[in-house]
Amino acid sequence: MKTKAIFFDLDDTLLWDKKSVATAFQKTCDYAATKVAVNTVELEKAVRESASQLYDSYETRPFTQMIGINPFEGLWGIFDDPGEDFQKMKALIADYQKQSWTNGLDKLGVEDAALGEELAKYFPRMRMESPFVYEETFEVLDLLKDNYTLLLMTNGSPSLQNTKLEITPEMAPYFDHILISGGFGKGKPDPSIFEHALELVRVEKDEVLMVGDNLMTDILGASRVGIKSVWINRENKPVSEEVQPTYTIESLHELIGILEKIK
């Protein structure tokens, strides 16, 4: 059956989120090194470890796992979103950010809570200043926008995911629908968010392709509801026996060839 709609993941499919986070870490750690004698690579590693450990200790962890919010998004998000769970996150997030950086410094022998707090405020500014989009993203979206219904399906908090779209303002206009897990109530790979997406675009499941970089959210979720999937594997990640994409590509450019082949 003819493909009528394409569902796209956002982070590390269209936006190069990993590079944005890495750049923000580099800039913040470089700044820290102007204040105290630390190795910037070791500081980033220490803060990443501290942030992950702390994030897992909160009562909000099951919610963030369900919605799909990772510890490093917690380092720059504010989570001022409707709902009790988001408000719990909002209440603890400033301390989480401060403690992540303070604990990271402490691991390197630097006991300086004031600097930890300063770095916690510096990192979000650097992340906001570092939006990266894959080179082929807009070229491919330009080729698709007039021929397919495009839906953006992204895990995360509405406030944070909308901020990502605001700092890359060219992105949102390409999409007929934008579906954010935190606004819907469940995240990929839960079948319900894919079923809701099908209702929004008003097409049958075999008329849709899901394009994403994450086997365990984008591809697994699509397979659970019978939607064909395209796994974009830019980093040569290992394949999975449990989760099998319909197609695998290394660049978004290859999506055009797949669409031509199945037309």
Protein backbone atom coordinates (compact mmCIF):
# COMPACT_ATOMS: atom_id res chain seq x y z
CA MET A 1 0.00 0.00 0.00
CA LYS A 2 1.19 3.52 -0.77
CA THR A 3 3.01 5.37 1.98
CA LYS A 4 1.01 8.46 2.95
CA ALA A 5 2.59 9.53 6.23
CA ILE A 6 6.01 9.51 7.85
CA PHE A 7 6.60 9.65 11.58
CA PHE A 8 9.97 11.12 12.59
CA ASP A 9 11.78 10.94 15.88
CA LEU A 10 13.53 14.20 16.83
CA ASP A 11 16.65 13.71 18.98
CA ASP A 12 19.59 12.15 17.14
CA THR A 13 17.39 11.53 14.12
CA LEU A 14 16.80 15.10 12.90
CA LEU A 15 18.53 17.09 15.64
CA TRP A 16 22.08 16.08 16.61
CA ASP A 17 21.34 16.13 20.32
CA LYS A 18 24.41 14.15 21.40
CA LYS A 19 26.67 16.74 19.79
CA SER A 20 24.73 19.57 21.44
CA VAL A 21 25.11 17.98 24.87
CA ALA A 22 28.80 17.18 24.30
CA THR A 23 29.45 20.76 23.18
CA ALA A 24 27.68 22.19 26.23
CA PHE A 25 29.75 19.92 28.48
CA GLN A 26 32.97 20.95 26.76
CA LYS A 27 32.22 24.66 27.07
CA THR A 28 31.16 24.34 30.71
CA CYS A 29 34.15 22.22 31.68
CA ASP A 30 36.48 24.63 29.86
CA TYR A 31 34.94 27.43 31.90
CA ALA A 32 35.44 25.42 35.11
CA ALA A 33 39.11 25.03 34.22
CA THR A 34 39.50 28.82 34.26
CA LYS A 35 38.36 28.77 37.89
CA VAL A 36 40.10 25.71 39.32
CA ALA A 37 42.76 23.23 38.24
CA VAL A 38 40.77 20.35 36.73
CA ASN A 39 41.12 18.10 33.72
CA THR A 40 38.14 18.97 31.53
CA VAL A 41 37.72 15.44 30.15
CA GLU A 42 37.77 13.94 33.64
CA LEU A 43 35.32 16.57 34.89
CA GLU A 44 32.81 15.81 32.16
CA LYS A 45 33.05 12.08 32.91
CA ALA A 46 32.63 12.71 36.64
CA VAL A 47 29.61 14.97 36.17
CA ARG A 48 27.94 12.56 33.75
CA GLU A 49 28.39 9.74 36.27
CA SER A 50 27.20 11.88 39.17
CA ALA A 51 24.17 13.09 37.24
CA SER A 52 23.14 9.56 36.22
CA GLN A 53 23.50 8.22 39.77
CA LEU A 54 21.57 11.08 41.29
CA TYR A 55 18.84 10.94 38.63
CA ASP A 56 18.26 7.26 39.32
CA SER A 57 17.82 7.94 43.05
CA TYR A 58 14.74 10.16 42.72
CA GLU A 59 11.15 8.98 43.12
CA THR A 60 10.48 10.55 39.71
CA ARG A 61 12.73 8.00 37.97
CA PRO A 62 9.92 5.63 36.84
CA PHE A 63 8.06 8.60 35.34
CA THR A 64 11.10 9.92 33.51
CA GLN A 65 11.77 6.44 32.12
CA MET A 66 8.18 6.12 30.89
CA ILE A 67 8.18 9.58 29.27
CA GLY A 68 11.76 9.26 28.00
CA ILE A 69 13.73 12.04 29.72
CA ASN A 70 17.41 11.30 30.23
CA PRO A 71 19.72 12.61 32.99
CA PHE A 72 21.49 15.08 30.71
CA GLU A 73 18.23 16.70 29.68
CA GLY A 74 17.69 17.10 33.40
CA LEU A 75 20.85 19.19 33.52
CA TRP A 76 19.24 21.97 31.48
CA GLY A 77 15.47 21.47 31.67
CA ILE A 78 13.07 23.30 33.98
CA PHE A 79 10.11 20.90 33.60
CA ASP A 80 7.46 23.52 34.19
CA ASP A 81 4.79 21.31 32.66
CA PRO A 82 1.28 20.38 33.82
CA GLY A 83 0.93 17.32 36.00
CA GLU A 84 2.02 16.18 39.43
CA ASP A 85 5.07 14.26 38.23
CA PHE A 86 6.43 17.18 36.22
CA GLN A 87 5.88 19.49 39.17
CA LYS A 88 7.85 17.09 41.37
CA MET A 89 10.67 17.27 38.84
CA LYS A 90 10.45 21.05 38.73
CA ALA A 91 10.78 21.20 42.52
CA LEU A 92 13.97 19.12 42.62
CA ILE A 93 15.66 20.05 39.34
CA ALA A 94 17.67 23.07 40.53
CA ASP A 95 19.20 21.04 43.36
CA TYR A 96 19.79 18.11 40.98
CA GLN A 97 21.71 20.34 38.59
CA LYS A 98 23.75 21.91 41.37
CA GLN A 99 24.54 18.59 43.05
CA SER A 100 25.51 16.92 39.77
CA TRP A 101 28.20 19.51 39.13
CA THR A 102 29.23 19.83 42.79
CA ASN A 103 29.58 16.05 43.14
CA GLY A 104 31.53 15.90 39.88
CA LEU A 105 33.99 18.48 41.16
CA ASP A 106 34.22 16.63 44.45
CA LYS A 107 35.21 13.42 42.66
CA LEU A 108 38.22 15.31 41.31
CA GLY A 109 39.15 16.62 44.74
CA VAL A 110 37.58 20.06 44.36
CA GLU A 111 35.20 20.92 47.20
CA ASP A 112 33.45 24.04 45.94
CA ALA A 113 29.66 24.14 46.17
CA ALA A 114 29.56 27.73 44.94
CA LEU A 115 31.37 26.77 41.74
CA GLY A 116 29.09 23.74 41.36
CA GLU A 117 26.10 26.05 41.46
CA GLU A 118 27.72 28.43 38.98
CA LEU A 119 28.45 25.60 36.54
CA ALA A 120 24.90 24.28 36.96
CA LYS A 121 23.62 27.64 35.70
CA TYR A 122 26.29 27.93 32.99
CA PHE A 123 25.54 24.55 31.37
CA PRO A 124 21.94 25.34 30.34
CA ARG A 125 23.10 28.55 28.64
CA MET A 126 25.74 26.64 26.71
CA ARG A 127 23.21 23.99 25.69
CA MET A 128 20.83 26.69 24.46
CA GLU A 129 23.65 28.21 22.41
CA SER A 130 24.58 24.86 20.84
CA PRO A 131 21.75 23.57 18.64
CA PHE A 132 23.00 21.17 15.98
CA VAL A 133 21.01 19.73 13.09
CA TYR A 134 22.28 16.94 10.85
CA GLU A 135 23.53 18.22 7.53
CA GLU A 136 20.92 16.34 5.48
CA THR A 137 17.88 16.99 7.69
CA PHE A 138 16.33 19.99 5.96
CA GLU A 139 17.25 18.80 2.48
CA VAL A 140 15.34 15.55 3.05
CA LEU A 141 12.39 17.26 4.74
CA ASP A 142 12.16 19.63 1.77
CA LEU A 143 11.81 16.62 -0.53
CA LEU A 144 9.09 15.06 1.61
CA LYS A 145 6.92 17.91 2.83
CA ASP A 146 4.69 18.26 -0.24
CA ASN A 147 4.16 14.53 -0.77
CA TYR A 148 3.58 13.08 2.69
CA THR A 149 1.88 13.93 5.95
CA LEU A 150 4.74 14.45 8.39
CA LEU A 151 4.40 13.85 12.12
CA LEU A 152 7.10 14.51 14.69
CA MET A 153 6.96 12.03 17.58
CA THR A 154 9.40 12.79 20.37
CA ASN A 155 9.88 11.52 23.89
CA GLY A 156 10.42 14.12 26.59
CA SER A 157 8.92 17.01 28.49
CA PRO A 158 6.86 19.47 26.40
CA SER A 159 8.74 22.47 27.81
CA LEU A 160 12.14 21.00 26.95
CA GLN A 161 11.27 19.54 23.54
CA ASN A 162 9.56 22.77 22.53
CA THR A 163 12.67 24.68 23.61
CA LYS A 164 14.72 22.49 21.26
CA LEU A 165 12.32 23.40 18.47
CA GLU A 166 12.42 27.09 19.38
CA ILE A 167 16.21 27.22 19.09
CA THR A 168 15.99 25.48 15.69
CA PRO A 169 12.97 27.43 14.37
CA GLU A 170 13.21 26.00 10.85
CA MET A 171 12.17 22.54 12.07
CA ALA A 172 8.57 22.75 13.31
CA PRO A 173 6.98 24.22 10.14
CA TYR A 174 7.74 21.02 8.24
CA PHE A 175 5.36 19.00 10.40
CA ASP A 176 1.61 18.65 10.22
CA HIS A 177 1.56 17.30 13.78
CA ILE A 178 3.98 17.40 16.72
CA LEU A 179 3.43 14.73 19.38
CA ILE A 180 5.44 14.97 22.61
CA SER A 181 5.27 12.05 25.04
CA GLY A 182 5.10 14.24 28.14
CA GLY A 183 1.99 15.94 26.80
CA PHE A 184 0.41 12.66 25.72
CA GLY A 185 1.12 10.80 28.96
CA LYS A 186 3.21 7.87 27.72
CA GLY A 187 6.35 7.62 25.64
CA LYS A 188 7.75 5.39 22.94
CA PRO A 189 7.77 2.36 22.78
CA ASP A 190 4.31 2.25 24.37
CA PRO A 191 1.85 1.28 21.61
CA SER A 192 -0.69 3.89 22.69
CA ILE A 193 1.38 6.86 21.50
CA PHE A 194 1.76 5.26 18.06
CA GLU A 195 -1.96 4.51 17.92
CA HIS A 196 -2.67 8.13 18.81
CA ALA A 197 -0.32 9.26 16.04
CA LEU A 198 -2.27 7.14 13.56
CA GLU A 199 -5.48 8.82 14.68
CA LEU A 200 -3.92 12.24 14.15
CA VAL A 201 -2.80 11.56 10.59
CA ARG A 202 -5.94 9.54 9.74
CA VAL A 203 -4.22 6.82 7.76
CA GLU A 204 -3.87 3.06 8.15
CA LYS A 205 -0.82 1.58 9.85
CA ASP A 206 0.47 0.04 6.62
CA GLU A 207 0.48 3.50 5.03
CA VAL A 208 3.07 4.83 7.51
CA LEU A 209 6.83 4.69 8.02
CA MET A 210 8.45 5.40 11.40
CA VAL A 211 11.97 6.84 11.16
CA GLY A 212 14.18 6.90 14.23
CA ASP A 213 17.61 6.19 15.69
CA ASN A 214 16.59 4.19 18.76
CA LEU A 215 15.83 0.50 18.39
CA MET A 216 14.23 0.20 21.83
CA THR A 217 11.84 3.14 21.49
CA ASP A 218 11.24 4.15 17.86
CA ILE A 219 11.60 0.77 16.18
CA LEU A 220 10.22 -1.44 18.94
CA GLY A 221 7.17 0.80 19.38
CA ALA A 222 6.44 0.85 15.67
CA SER A 223 6.71 -2.92 15.42
CA ARG A 224 4.26 -3.37 18.29
CA VAL A 225 1.49 -1.72 16.28
CA GLY A 226 2.44 -3.05 12.85
CA ILE A 227 4.03 0.12 11.46
CA LYS A 228 6.96 -0.32 9.09
CA SER A 229 10.16 1.20 10.47
CA VAL A 230 13.37 2.77 9.24
CA TRP A 231 16.27 2.57 11.67
CA ILE A 232 18.85 5.28 11.07
CA ASN A 233 22.10 3.80 12.33
CA ARG A 234 24.70 6.50 11.83
CA GLU A 235 27.02 5.15 14.51
CA ASN A 236 27.21 1.52 13.35
CA LYS A 237 25.43 0.27 16.47
CA PRO A 238 25.02 -3.49 16.83
CA VAL A 239 21.83 -5.01 15.47
CA SER A 240 19.34 -6.71 17.77
CA GLU A 241 17.79 -10.13 17.42
CA GLU A 242 14.76 -9.00 19.42
CA VAL A 243 13.98 -5.78 17.54
CA GLN A 244 14.05 -5.94 13.75
CA PRO A 245 13.55 -2.74 11.70
CA THR A 246 11.95 -3.03 8.29
CA TYR A 247 14.81 -1.00 6.80
CA THR A 248 18.19 0.19 8.05
CA ILE A 249 19.96 3.30 6.73
CA GLU A 250 23.07 5.26 7.64
CA SER A 251 21.92 8.64 6.34
CA LEU A 252 18.53 10.29 5.93
CA HIS A 253 19.29 10.61 2.23
CA GLU A 254 18.74 6.85 1.92
CA LEU A 255 15.13 7.30 3.06
CA ILE A 256 14.29 8.84 -0.32
CA GLY A 257 15.45 5.70 -2.11
CA ILE A 258 13.34 3.50 0.17
CA LEU A 259 10.26 5.59 -0.51
CA GLU A 260 10.86 5.42 -4.26
CA LYS A 261 11.28 1.64 -4.07
CA ILE A 262 8.04 1.03 -2.16
CA LYS A 263 5.95 3.63 -4.02
